[in-house]
């Protein structure tokens, strides 16, 4: 029996692996027939010996292979012996979180003959529903704006999101509802430094640098919708701060940053990072950019434009 778990959402993939492994251990309690192989140093002969050897106590074996598809030797040998693995009564579980080319022969074999599950990064309502469900698992509900703030602050890194949820639940112990103020108090926004650099480049009218930074994110596997959400998040903050600036005197001392943060509901970290950027745009420019961002977001989500192309055009037009 072949099981194939893959995809960039390492948190949910790891949770599924844990679920399968724990179920196996409940049924086969000796623990002597659960084996792991990992990485580029994987040796096919060692694995093959495990498959062919008799199991202890007559138990079904479970062999977990992590990140081995990139190993050329293993790919060739698996495909040569594929009938043996397809017919095996033991469990052979492949676990891959790296990007795999769709034309990879072992990848195609695993999808054809294995029980497979892909774990894509969660976005939009799927992400919000996952967060809400996690809170409910801890017996907690969320108030207005909490899901939106958590998505803005953390994105779709579910490892960090789970930690933040635990922190919020622990902080509000004994209380049934998490509110947006709790998020602002306890959760530090996860904004990649390059997002601030990208906004800086736009502010300096250096569109070439801004496009290069966006492509850098895409090259390392960041979702275009995640990038757009982060840029959208930051320009929304700038617009809010610009409106505030027109009514108040800005300065950069710590106490003033805390006051601005409290009045605007923007994390102090973001306020501090944004003060310089706010000076580089007029209020009208920021309104125009923000409207453009909302339009691009709608066009992407309705399939009117390719996400990567939309990001490039967005940078060149603002």
C-alpha atoms as a PDB file:
ATOM      1  CA  UNK A   1       0.000   0.000   0.000  1.00  0.00           C
ATOM      2  CA  UNK A   2       1.385   3.392  -1.016  1.00  0.00           C
ATOM      3  CA  UNK A   3       0.406   6.681   0.664  1.00  0.00           C
ATOM      4  CA  UNK A   4       1.634  10.007  -0.721  1.00  0.00           C
ATOM      5  CA  UNK A   5       1.388  13.261   1.273  1.00  0.00           C
ATOM      6  CA  UNK A   6       2.753  16.372  -0.426  1.00  0.00           C
ATOM      7  CA  UNK A   7       2.467  20.139  -0.757  1.00  0.00           C
ATOM      8  CA  UNK A   8       3.841  23.400   0.645  1.00  0.00           C
ATOM      9  CA  UNK A   9       1.562  23.528   3.706  1.00  0.00           C
ATOM     10  CA  UNK A  10       3.991  21.703   5.971  1.00  0.00           C
ATOM     11  CA  UNK A  11       1.817  22.170   9.063  1.00  0.00           C
ATOM     12  CA  UNK A  12      -1.276  20.365   7.782  1.00  0.00           C
ATOM     13  CA  UNK A  13       0.853  17.762   5.985  1.00  0.00           C
ATOM     14  CA  UNK A  14       2.750  17.056   9.223  1.00  0.00           C
ATOM     15  CA  UNK A  15      -0.509  16.821  11.176  1.00  0.00           C
ATOM     16  CA  UNK A  16      -1.818  14.255   8.684  1.00  0.00           C
ATOM     17  CA  UNK A  17       1.422  12.272   8.927  1.00  0.00           C
ATOM     18  CA  UNK A  18       1.123  12.319  12.719  1.00  0.00           C
ATOM     19  CA  UNK A  19      -2.506  11.140  12.515  1.00  0.00           C
ATOM     20  CA  UNK A  20      -1.608   8.199  10.248  1.00  0.00           C
ATOM     21  CA  UNK A  21       1.428   7.242  12.339  1.00  0.00           C
ATOM     22  CA  UNK A  22      -0.497   7.349  15.624  1.00  0.00           C
ATOM     23  CA  UNK A  23      -3.265   5.186  14.153  1.00  0.00           C
ATOM     24  CA  UNK A  24      -0.678   2.653  12.979  1.00  0.00           C
ATOM     25  CA  UNK A  25       0.930   2.561  16.438  1.00  0.00           C
ATOM     26  CA  UNK A  26      -2.438   1.997  18.118  1.00  0.00           C
ATOM     27  CA  UNK A  27      -3.023  -1.071  15.932  1.00  0.00           C
ATOM     28  CA  UNK A  28       0.589  -2.348  15.888  1.00  0.00           C
ATOM     29  CA  UNK A  29       1.751  -1.733  19.414  1.00  0.00           C
ATOM     30  CA  UNK A  30       5.263  -3.213  19.352  1.00  0.00           C
ATOM     31  CA  UNK A  31       6.724  -0.148  17.604  1.00  0.00           C
ATOM     32  CA  UNK A  32       9.395  -2.372  16.034  1.00  0.00           C
ATOM     33  CA  UNK A  33       8.081  -2.251  12.480  1.00  0.00           C
ATOM     34  CA  UNK A  34       7.869   1.522  12.023  1.00  0.00           C
ATOM     35  CA  UNK A  35      10.900   2.797  10.087  1.00  0.00           C
ATOM     36  CA  UNK A  36      11.987   6.202   8.748  1.00  0.00           C
ATOM     37  CA  UNK A  37      14.225   7.145   5.810  1.00  0.00           C
ATOM     38  CA  UNK A  38      14.999  10.753   4.940  1.00  0.00           C
ATOM     39  CA  UNK A  39      16.649  13.087   2.461  1.00  0.00           C
ATOM     40  CA  UNK A  40      19.159  12.995  -0.334  1.00  0.00           C
ATOM     41  CA  UNK A  41      21.265  10.410   1.535  1.00  0.00           C
ATOM     42  CA  UNK A  42      18.475   7.846   1.207  1.00  0.00           C
ATOM     43  CA  UNK A  43      19.821   4.406   0.251  1.00  0.00           C
ATOM     44  CA  UNK A  44      17.461   2.310  -1.828  1.00  0.00           C
ATOM     45  CA  UNK A  45      19.136  -0.984  -0.935  1.00  0.00           C
ATOM     46  CA  UNK A  46      18.612  -0.389   2.792  1.00  0.00           C
ATOM     47  CA  UNK A  47      14.976   0.427   2.133  1.00  0.00           C
ATOM     48  CA  UNK A  48      14.539  -2.654  -0.060  1.00  0.00           C
ATOM     49  CA  UNK A  49      15.978  -4.869   2.668  1.00  0.00           C
ATOM     50  CA  UNK A  50      13.388  -3.478   5.088  1.00  0.00           C
ATOM     51  CA  UNK A  51      10.578  -4.272   2.650  1.00  0.00           C
ATOM     52  CA  UNK A  52      11.791  -7.819   2.011  1.00  0.00           C
ATOM     53  CA  UNK A  53      12.603  -8.739   5.615  1.00  0.00           C
ATOM     54  CA  UNK A  54      10.054 -10.499   7.802  1.00  0.00           C
ATOM     55  CA  UNK A  55       8.302  -8.243  10.282  1.00  0.00           C
ATOM     56  CA  UNK A  56       8.472  -8.771  14.032  1.00  0.00           C
ATOM     57  CA  UNK A  57       5.380 -10.484  15.510  1.00  0.00           C
ATOM     58  CA  UNK A  58       3.823 -10.783  12.058  1.00  0.00           C
ATOM     59  CA  UNK A  59       2.815  -7.107  12.099  1.00  0.00           C
ATOM     60  CA  UNK A  60       2.259  -4.997   9.009  1.00  0.00           C
ATOM     61  CA  UNK A  61       5.294  -2.740   8.491  1.00  0.00           C
ATOM     62  CA  UNK A  62       5.103   1.004   7.963  1.00  0.00           C
ATOM     63  CA  UNK A  63       8.014   2.716   6.227  1.00  0.00           C
ATOM     64  CA  UNK A  64       8.046   6.511   5.998  1.00  0.00           C
ATOM     65  CA  UNK A  65      10.142   8.131   3.267  1.00  0.00           C
ATOM     66  CA  UNK A  66      10.698  11.870   3.709  1.00  0.00           C
ATOM     67  CA  UNK A  67      12.007  14.168   0.959  1.00  0.00           C
ATOM     68  CA  UNK A  68      13.487  11.434  -1.207  1.00  0.00           C
ATOM     69  CA  UNK A  69      11.943  12.214  -4.602  1.00  0.00           C
ATOM     70  CA  UNK A  70      14.937  14.409  -5.501  1.00  0.00           C
ATOM     71  CA  UNK A  71      17.230  11.391  -5.140  1.00  0.00           C
ATOM     72  CA  UNK A  72      17.800  10.218  -8.729  1.00  0.00           C
ATOM     73  CA  UNK A  73      18.993   6.738  -7.737  1.00  0.00           C
ATOM     74  CA  UNK A  74      15.912   6.123  -5.623  1.00  0.00           C
ATOM     75  CA  UNK A  75      13.594   7.285  -8.404  1.00  0.00           C
ATOM     76  CA  UNK A  76      15.063   4.855 -10.944  1.00  0.00           C
ATOM     77  CA  UNK A  77      14.998   1.921  -8.518  1.00  0.00           C
ATOM     78  CA  UNK A  78      11.447   2.572  -7.356  1.00  0.00           C
ATOM     79  CA  UNK A  79      10.192   2.633 -10.915  1.00  0.00           C
ATOM     80  CA  UNK A  80      12.087  -0.574 -11.787  1.00  0.00           C
ATOM     81  CA  UNK A  81      10.460  -2.367  -8.848  1.00  0.00           C
ATOM     82  CA  UNK A  82       7.093  -0.624  -8.943  1.00  0.00           C
ATOM     83  CA  UNK A  83       4.940  -3.786  -9.157  1.00  0.00           C
ATOM     84  CA  UNK A  84       6.437  -5.114  -5.920  1.00  0.00           C
ATOM     85  CA  UNK A  85       5.590  -1.871  -4.096  1.00  0.00           C
ATOM     86  CA  UNK A  86       2.098  -1.603  -5.570  1.00  0.00           C
ATOM     87  CA  UNK A  87       1.300  -5.150  -4.397  1.00  0.00           C
ATOM     88  CA  UNK A  88       2.972  -4.813  -0.984  1.00  0.00           C
ATOM     89  CA  UNK A  89       0.773  -5.411   2.063  1.00  0.00           C
ATOM     90  CA  UNK A  90       3.064  -3.112   4.058  1.00  0.00           C
ATOM     91  CA  UNK A  91       2.518   0.656   4.184  1.00  0.00           C
ATOM     92  CA  UNK A  92       5.008   2.769   2.235  1.00  0.00           C
ATOM     93  CA  UNK A  93       4.384   6.447   2.960  1.00  0.00           C
ATOM     94  CA  UNK A  94       6.040   9.194   0.909  1.00  0.00           C
ATOM     95  CA  UNK A  95       6.162  12.647   2.518  1.00  0.00           C
ATOM     96  CA  UNK A  96       7.244  15.605   0.356  1.00  0.00           C
ATOM     97  CA  UNK A  97       7.000  19.325   1.097  1.00  0.00           C
ATOM     98  CA  UNK A  98       9.368  20.601  -1.578  1.00  0.00           C
ATOM     99  CA  UNK A  99       8.104  21.690  -4.993  1.00  0.00           C
ATOM    100  CA  UNK A 100       8.049  18.694  -7.343  1.00  0.00           C
ATOM    101  CA  UNK A 101       7.938  19.151 -11.146  1.00  0.00           C
ATOM    102  CA  UNK A 102       4.639  17.818 -12.491  1.00  0.00           C
ATOM    103  CA  UNK A 103       6.536  15.749 -15.090  1.00  0.00           C
ATOM    104  CA  UNK A 104       8.667  13.940 -12.482  1.00  0.00           C
ATOM    105  CA  UNK A 105       8.187  10.218 -13.185  1.00  0.00           C
ATOM    106  CA  UNK A 106       8.126   9.103  -9.552  1.00  0.00           C
ATOM    107  CA  UNK A 107       5.655  11.882  -8.723  1.00  0.00           C
ATOM    108  CA  UNK A 108       3.359  10.713 -11.536  1.00  0.00           C
ATOM    109  CA  UNK A 109       3.710   7.093 -10.390  1.00  0.00           C
ATOM    110  CA  UNK A 110       2.782   7.962  -6.789  1.00  0.00           C
ATOM    111  CA  UNK A 111      -0.297   9.925  -7.874  1.00  0.00           C
ATOM    112  CA  UNK A 112      -1.422   7.083 -10.132  1.00  0.00           C
ATOM    113  CA  UNK A 113      -0.935   4.161  -7.750  1.00  0.00           C
ATOM    114  CA  UNK A 114      -0.940   5.695  -4.280  1.00  0.00           C
ATOM    115  CA  UNK A 115      -3.557   7.160  -1.983  1.00  0.00           C
ATOM    116  CA  UNK A 116      -2.467  10.783  -2.217  1.00  0.00           C
ATOM    117  CA  UNK A 117      -3.383  14.052  -0.536  1.00  0.00           C
ATOM    118  CA  UNK A 118      -2.067  17.463  -1.550  1.00  0.00           C
ATOM    119  CA  UNK A 119      -1.693  20.220   1.039  1.00  0.00           C
ATOM    120  CA  UNK A 120      -1.876  23.610  -0.642  1.00  0.00           C
ATOM    121  CA  UNK A 121      -1.371  26.806   1.343  1.00  0.00           C
ATOM    122  CA  UNK A 122      -4.700  28.028   2.689  1.00  0.00           C
ATOM    123  CA  UNK A 123      -5.993  31.397   1.531  1.00  0.00           C
ATOM    124  CA  UNK A 124      -9.129  33.512   1.854  1.00  0.00           C
ATOM    125  CA  UNK A 125     -12.127  31.924   3.546  1.00  0.00           C
ATOM    126  CA  UNK A 126     -10.446  28.513   3.751  1.00  0.00           C
ATOM    127  CA  UNK A 127      -7.739  30.057   5.948  1.00  0.00           C
ATOM    128  CA  UNK A 128     -10.241  31.969   8.096  1.00  0.00           C
ATOM    129  CA  UNK A 129     -12.381  28.874   8.591  1.00  0.00           C
ATOM    130  CA  UNK A 130      -9.310  26.879   9.644  1.00  0.00           C
ATOM    131  CA  UNK A 131      -8.431  29.548  12.250  1.00  0.00           C
ATOM    132  CA  UNK A 132     -12.008  29.635  13.576  1.00  0.00           C
ATOM    133  CA  UNK A 133     -12.038  25.825  13.859  1.00  0.00           C
ATOM    134  CA  UNK A 134      -8.734  25.837  15.787  1.00  0.00           C
ATOM    135  CA  UNK A 135     -10.117  28.341  18.300  1.00  0.00           C
ATOM    136  CA  UNK A 136     -13.218  26.176  18.736  1.00  0.00           C
ATOM    137  CA  UNK A 137     -10.986  23.160  19.399  1.00  0.00           C
ATOM    138  CA  UNK A 138      -9.821  25.107  22.464  1.00  0.00           C
ATOM    139  CA  UNK A 139     -13.397  25.990  23.442  1.00  0.00           C
ATOM    140  CA  UNK A 140     -13.023  29.612  22.342  1.00  0.00           C
ATOM    141  CA  UNK A 141     -14.910  31.848  19.903  1.00  0.00           C
ATOM    142  CA  UNK A 142     -13.640  34.952  18.104  1.00  0.00           C
ATOM    143  CA  UNK A 143     -15.109  38.447  18.039  1.00  0.00           C
ATOM    144  CA  UNK A 144     -15.495  40.815  15.052  1.00  0.00           C
ATOM    145  CA  UNK A 145     -12.308  41.523  13.116  1.00  0.00           C
ATOM    146  CA  UNK A 146     -10.194  38.833  14.812  1.00  0.00           C
ATOM    147  CA  UNK A 147      -9.903  36.523  11.798  1.00  0.00           C
ATOM    148  CA  UNK A 148      -9.031  39.416   9.486  1.00  0.00           C
ATOM    149  CA  UNK A 149      -6.360  40.757  11.859  1.00  0.00           C
ATOM    150  CA  UNK A 150      -4.775  37.339  12.334  1.00  0.00           C
ATOM    151  CA  UNK A 151      -4.616  36.790   8.571  1.00  0.00           C
ATOM    152  CA  UNK A 152      -3.119  40.275   8.121  1.00  0.00           C
ATOM    153  CA  UNK A 153      -0.592  39.795  10.933  1.00  0.00           C
ATOM    154  CA  UNK A 154       0.435  36.172  10.372  1.00  0.00           C
ATOM    155  CA  UNK A 155      -0.548  35.189   6.826  1.00  0.00           C
ATOM    156  CA  UNK A 156      -0.860  31.475   6.038  1.00  0.00           C
ATOM    157  CA  UNK A 157       2.080  30.199   8.081  1.00  0.00           C
ATOM    158  CA  UNK A 158       0.041  27.717  10.123  1.00  0.00           C
ATOM    159  CA  UNK A 159       2.964  26.837  12.411  1.00  0.00           C
ATOM    160  CA  UNK A 160       3.058  30.436  13.627  1.00  0.00           C
ATOM    161  CA  UNK A 161      -0.730  30.734  13.498  1.00  0.00           C
ATOM    162  CA  UNK A 162      -1.160  27.744  15.810  1.00  0.00           C
ATOM    163  CA  UNK A 163       1.334  29.259  18.271  1.00  0.00           C
ATOM    164  CA  UNK A 164      -0.494  32.603  18.200  1.00  0.00           C
ATOM    165  CA  UNK A 165      -3.850  30.878  18.764  1.00  0.00           C
ATOM    166  CA  UNK A 166      -2.438  29.027  21.792  1.00  0.00           C
ATOM    167  CA  UNK A 167      -1.001  32.298  23.119  1.00  0.00           C
ATOM    168  CA  UNK A 168      -4.336  34.105  22.747  1.00  0.00           C
ATOM    169  CA  UNK A 169      -6.320  31.269  24.333  1.00  0.00           C
ATOM    170  CA  UNK A 170      -3.883  31.108  27.250  1.00  0.00           C
ATOM    171  CA  UNK A 171      -4.021  34.896  27.711  1.00  0.00           C
ATOM    172  CA  UNK A 172      -7.829  34.909  27.765  1.00  0.00           C
ATOM    173  CA  UNK A 173      -8.056  31.800  29.953  1.00  0.00           C
ATOM    174  CA  UNK A 174     -11.517  31.473  31.428  1.00  0.00           C
ATOM    175  CA  UNK A 175     -13.052  33.846  28.866  1.00  0.00           C
ATOM    176  CA  UNK A 176     -14.944  32.493  25.882  1.00  0.00           C
ATOM    177  CA  UNK A 177     -14.288  35.194  23.269  1.00  0.00           C
ATOM    178  CA  UNK A 178     -11.060  36.567  21.776  1.00  0.00           C
ATOM    179  CA  UNK A 179     -11.386  40.179  20.584  1.00  0.00           C
ATOM    180  CA  UNK A 180      -9.353  42.201  18.089  1.00  0.00           C
ATOM    181  CA  UNK A 181      -7.677  44.136  20.909  1.00  0.00           C
ATOM    182  CA  UNK A 182      -6.179  40.879  22.184  1.00  0.00           C
ATOM    183  CA  UNK A 183      -4.651  40.263  18.752  1.00  0.00           C
ATOM    184  CA  UNK A 184      -3.174  43.773  18.589  1.00  0.00           C
ATOM    185  CA  UNK A 185      -1.715  43.372  22.073  1.00  0.00           C
ATOM    186  CA  UNK A 186      -0.179  39.909  21.715  1.00  0.00           C
ATOM    187  CA  UNK A 187       0.498  39.151  18.041  1.00  0.00           C
ATOM    188  CA  UNK A 188       3.458  40.718  16.264  1.00  0.00           C
ATOM    189  CA  UNK A 189       2.725  41.136  12.538  1.00  0.00           C
ATOM    190  CA  UNK A 190       4.699  38.769  10.365  1.00  0.00           C
ATOM    191  CA  UNK A 191       5.640  41.166   7.594  1.00  0.00           C
ATOM    192  CA  UNK A 192       8.697  40.098   5.676  1.00  0.00           C
ATOM    193  CA  UNK A 193      11.386  42.791   5.670  1.00  0.00           C
ATOM    194  CA  UNK A 194      11.282  42.665   1.871  1.00  0.00           C
ATOM    195  CA  UNK A 195       7.659  43.860   1.915  1.00  0.00           C
ATOM    196  CA  UNK A 196       8.812  47.067   3.608  1.00  0.00           C
ATOM    197  CA  UNK A 197      11.682  47.248   1.095  1.00  0.00           C
ATOM    198  CA  UNK A 198       9.186  46.855  -1.745  1.00  0.00           C
ATOM    199  CA  UNK A 199       7.052  49.718  -0.409  1.00  0.00           C
ATOM    200  CA  UNK A 200      10.231  51.780   0.070  1.00  0.00           C
ATOM    201  CA  UNK A 201      11.168  51.140  -3.569  1.00  0.00           C
ATOM    202  CA  UNK A 202       7.691  52.222  -4.713  1.00  0.00           C
ATOM    203  CA  UNK A 203       7.961  55.355  -2.556  1.00  0.00           C
ATOM    204  CA  UNK A 204      11.322  56.154  -4.187  1.00  0.00           C
ATOM    205  CA  UNK A 205       9.755  55.558  -7.640  1.00  0.00           C
ATOM    206  CA  UNK A 206      12.278  52.727  -8.126  1.00  0.00           C
ATOM    207  CA  UNK A 207       9.908  50.368  -9.904  1.00  0.00           C
ATOM    208  CA  UNK A 208      12.711  48.126 -11.175  1.00  0.00           C
ATOM    209  CA  UNK A 209      13.803  47.360  -7.610  1.00  0.00           C
ATOM    210  CA  UNK A 210      10.198  46.841  -6.484  1.00  0.00           C
ATOM    211  CA  UNK A 211       9.545  44.318  -9.282  1.00  0.00           C
ATOM    212  CA  UNK A 212      12.811  42.488  -8.481  1.00  0.00           C
ATOM    213  CA  UNK A 213      11.796  42.182  -4.832  1.00  0.00           C
ATOM    214  CA  UNK A 214       8.370  40.815  -5.782  1.00  0.00           C
ATOM    215  CA  UNK A 215      10.016  38.249  -8.086  1.00  0.00           C
ATOM    216  CA  UNK A 216      12.363  37.280  -5.254  1.00  0.00           C
ATOM    217  CA  UNK A 217       9.322  36.373  -3.144  1.00  0.00           C
ATOM    218  CA  UNK A 218       7.722  34.422  -6.001  1.00  0.00           C
ATOM    219  CA  UNK A 219      10.981  32.538  -6.655  1.00  0.00           C
ATOM    220  CA  UNK A 220      11.090  31.261  -3.080  1.00  0.00           C
ATOM    221  CA  UNK A 221       7.515  30.005  -3.379  1.00  0.00           C
ATOM    222  CA  UNK A 222       5.420  32.792  -1.834  1.00  0.00           C
ATOM    223  CA  UNK A 223       1.860  32.922  -3.150  1.00  0.00           C
ATOM    224  CA  UNK A 224       1.016  35.963  -5.336  1.00  0.00           C
ATOM    225  CA  UNK A 225      -2.171  36.405  -3.290  1.00  0.00           C
ATOM    226  CA  UNK A 226      -0.117  36.409  -0.083  1.00  0.00           C
ATOM    227  CA  UNK A 227       2.169  39.110  -1.526  1.00  0.00           C
ATOM    228  CA  UNK A 228      -0.798  41.172  -2.649  1.00  0.00           C
ATOM    229  CA  UNK A 229      -2.376  40.806   0.806  1.00  0.00           C
ATOM    230  CA  UNK A 230       0.828  42.017   2.488  1.00  0.00           C
ATOM    231  CA  UNK A 231       1.204  45.005   0.132  1.00  0.00           C
ATOM    232  CA  UNK A 232      -2.509  45.747   0.570  1.00  0.00           C
ATOM    233  CA  UNK A 233      -2.135  45.492   4.359  1.00  0.00           C
ATOM    234  CA  UNK A 234       0.769  47.933   4.402  1.00  0.00           C
ATOM    235  CA  UNK A 235      -0.828  50.519   2.101  1.00  0.00           C
ATOM    236  CA  UNK A 236      -4.017  50.360   4.181  1.00  0.00           C
ATOM    237  CA  UNK A 237      -1.871  51.156   7.234  1.00  0.00           C
ATOM    238  CA  UNK A 238      -0.185  54.032   5.395  1.00  0.00           C
ATOM    239  CA  UNK A 239      -3.558  55.457   4.354  1.00  0.00           C
ATOM    240  CA  UNK A 240      -4.838  55.253   7.939  1.00  0.00           C
ATOM    241  CA  UNK A 241      -1.667  56.855   9.301  1.00  0.00           C
ATOM    242  CA  UNK A 242      -1.718  59.606   6.646  1.00  0.00           C
ATOM    243  CA  UNK A 243      -5.242  60.544   7.661  1.00  0.00           C
ATOM    244  CA  UNK A 244      -4.132  60.598  11.307  1.00  0.00           C
ATOM    245  CA  UNK A 245      -1.062  62.676  10.401  1.00  0.00           C
ATOM    246  CA  UNK A 246      -3.254  65.420   8.963  1.00  0.00           C
ATOM    247  CA  UNK A 247      -4.827  65.863  12.405  1.00  0.00           C
ATOM    248  CA  UNK A 248      -1.812  65.312  14.679  1.00  0.00           C
ATOM    249  CA  UNK A 249       1.891  66.082  14.976  1.00  0.00           C
ATOM    250  CA  UNK A 250       4.019  63.008  14.257  1.00  0.00           C
ATOM    251  CA  UNK A 251       7.268  62.276  16.037  1.00  0.00           C
ATOM    252  CA  UNK A 252       9.206  59.061  16.460  1.00  0.00           C
ATOM    253  CA  UNK A 253       9.684  58.798  20.206  1.00  0.00           C
ATOM    254  CA  UNK A 254       8.565  55.547  21.810  1.00  0.00           C
ATOM    255  CA  UNK A 255       5.628  56.967  23.760  1.00  0.00           C
ATOM    256  CA  UNK A 256       4.203  58.653  20.665  1.00  0.00           C
ATOM    257  CA  UNK A 257       4.449  55.417  18.683  1.00  0.00           C
ATOM    258  CA  UNK A 258       2.482  53.660  21.427  1.00  0.00           C
ATOM    259  CA  UNK A 259      -0.169  56.407  21.365  1.00  0.00           C
ATOM    260  CA  UNK A 260      -0.533  56.198  17.566  1.00  0.00           C
ATOM    261  CA  UNK A 261      -0.701  52.407  17.790  1.00  0.00           C
ATOM    262  CA  UNK A 262      -3.427  52.535  20.428  1.00  0.00           C
ATOM    263  CA  UNK A 263      -5.558  55.097  18.612  1.00  0.00           C
ATOM    264  CA  UNK A 264      -5.294  53.500  15.170  1.00  0.00           C
ATOM    265  CA  UNK A 265      -5.298  49.835  16.162  1.00  0.00           C
ATOM    266  CA  UNK A 266      -2.028  49.267  14.264  1.00  0.00           C
ATOM    267  CA  UNK A 267       0.737  47.269  15.911  1.00  0.00           C
ATOM    268  CA  UNK A 268       3.626  49.453  17.278  1.00  0.00           C
ATOM    269  CA  UNK A 269       6.108  47.496  15.144  1.00  0.00           C
ATOM    270  CA  UNK A 270       4.208  48.444  11.977  1.00  0.00           C
ATOM    271  CA  UNK A 271       3.759  52.073  13.091  1.00  0.00           C
ATOM    272  CA  UNK A 272       7.504  52.447  13.637  1.00  0.00           C
ATOM    273  CA  UNK A 273       8.336  50.877  10.265  1.00  0.00           C
ATOM    274  CA  UNK A 274       5.730  52.981   8.457  1.00  0.00           C
ATOM    275  CA  UNK A 275       6.516  56.485   9.721  1.00  0.00           C
ATOM    276  CA  UNK A 276       9.120  57.212   7.039  1.00  0.00           C
ATOM    277  CA  UNK A 277       6.987  55.704   4.271  1.00  0.00           C
ATOM    278  CA  UNK A 278       3.997  57.851   5.220  1.00  0.00           C
ATOM    279  CA  UNK A 279       6.012  60.993   4.448  1.00  0.00           C
ATOM    280  CA  UNK A 280       6.693  59.831   0.889  1.00  0.00           C
ATOM    281  CA  UNK A 281       3.079  59.778  -0.302  1.00  0.00           C
ATOM    282  CA  UNK A 282       0.289  62.323  -0.393  1.00  0.00           C
ATOM    283  CA  UNK A 283      -3.111  61.339   0.949  1.00  0.00           C
ATOM    284  CA  UNK A 284      -4.555  61.383  -2.589  1.00  0.00           C
ATOM    285  CA  UNK A 285      -1.743  59.139  -3.886  1.00  0.00           C
ATOM    286  CA  UNK A 286      -2.411  56.599  -1.150  1.00  0.00           C
ATOM    287  CA  UNK A 287      -6.169  56.583  -1.847  1.00  0.00           C
ATOM    288  CA  UNK A 288      -5.496  56.011  -5.548  1.00  0.00           C
ATOM    289  CA  UNK A 289      -3.029  53.185  -4.829  1.00  0.00           C
ATOM    290  CA  UNK A 290      -5.387  51.514  -2.374  1.00  0.00           C
ATOM    291  CA  UNK A 291      -8.286  51.614  -4.855  1.00  0.00           C
ATOM    292  CA  UNK A 292      -5.974  50.091  -7.459  1.00  0.00           C
ATOM    293  CA  UNK A 293      -4.983  47.315  -5.032  1.00  0.00           C
ATOM    294  CA  UNK A 294      -8.622  46.436  -4.368  1.00  0.00           C
ATOM    295  CA  UNK A 295      -9.329  46.288  -8.108  1.00  0.00           C
ATOM    296  CA  UNK A 296      -6.316  44.026  -8.764  1.00  0.00           C
ATOM    297  CA  UNK A 297      -7.352  41.738  -5.905  1.00  0.00           C
ATOM    298  CA  UNK A 298     -10.845  41.400  -7.402  1.00  0.00           C
ATOM    299  CA  UNK A 299      -9.470  40.779 -10.918  1.00  0.00           C
ATOM    300  CA  UNK A 300      -7.196  37.988  -9.650  1.00  0.00           C
ATOM    301  CA  UNK A 301      -9.899  36.302  -7.587  1.00  0.00           C
ATOM    302  CA  UNK A 302     -12.382  36.383 -10.474  1.00  0.00           C
ATOM    303  CA  UNK A 303      -9.801  34.933 -12.875  1.00  0.00           C
ATOM    304  CA  UNK A 304      -9.600  37.995 -15.122  1.00  0.00           C
ATOM    305  CA  UNK A 305      -5.817  38.221 -14.874  1.00  0.00           C
ATOM    306  CA  UNK A 306      -2.848  35.987 -14.063  1.00  0.00           C
ATOM    307  CA  UNK A 307      -1.653  36.727 -10.470  1.00  0.00           C
ATOM    308  CA  UNK A 308       2.047  37.138 -11.341  1.00  0.00           C
ATOM    309  CA  UNK A 309       1.250  39.421 -14.282  1.00  0.00           C
ATOM    310  CA  UNK A 310      -1.146  41.428 -12.117  1.00  0.00           C
ATOM    311  CA  UNK A 311       1.580  42.049  -9.524  1.00  0.00           C
ATOM    312  CA  UNK A 312       4.028  43.266 -12.178  1.00  0.00           C
ATOM    313  CA  UNK A 313       1.429  45.592 -13.704  1.00  0.00           C
ATOM    314  CA  UNK A 314       0.430  46.852 -10.272  1.00  0.00           C
ATOM    315  CA  UNK A 315       4.009  47.861  -9.438  1.00  0.00           C
ATOM    316  CA  UNK A 316       4.532  49.621 -12.757  1.00  0.00           C
ATOM    317  CA  UNK A 317       1.223  51.515 -12.519  1.00  0.00           C
ATOM    318  CA  UNK A 318       1.505  52.907  -8.975  1.00  0.00           C
END
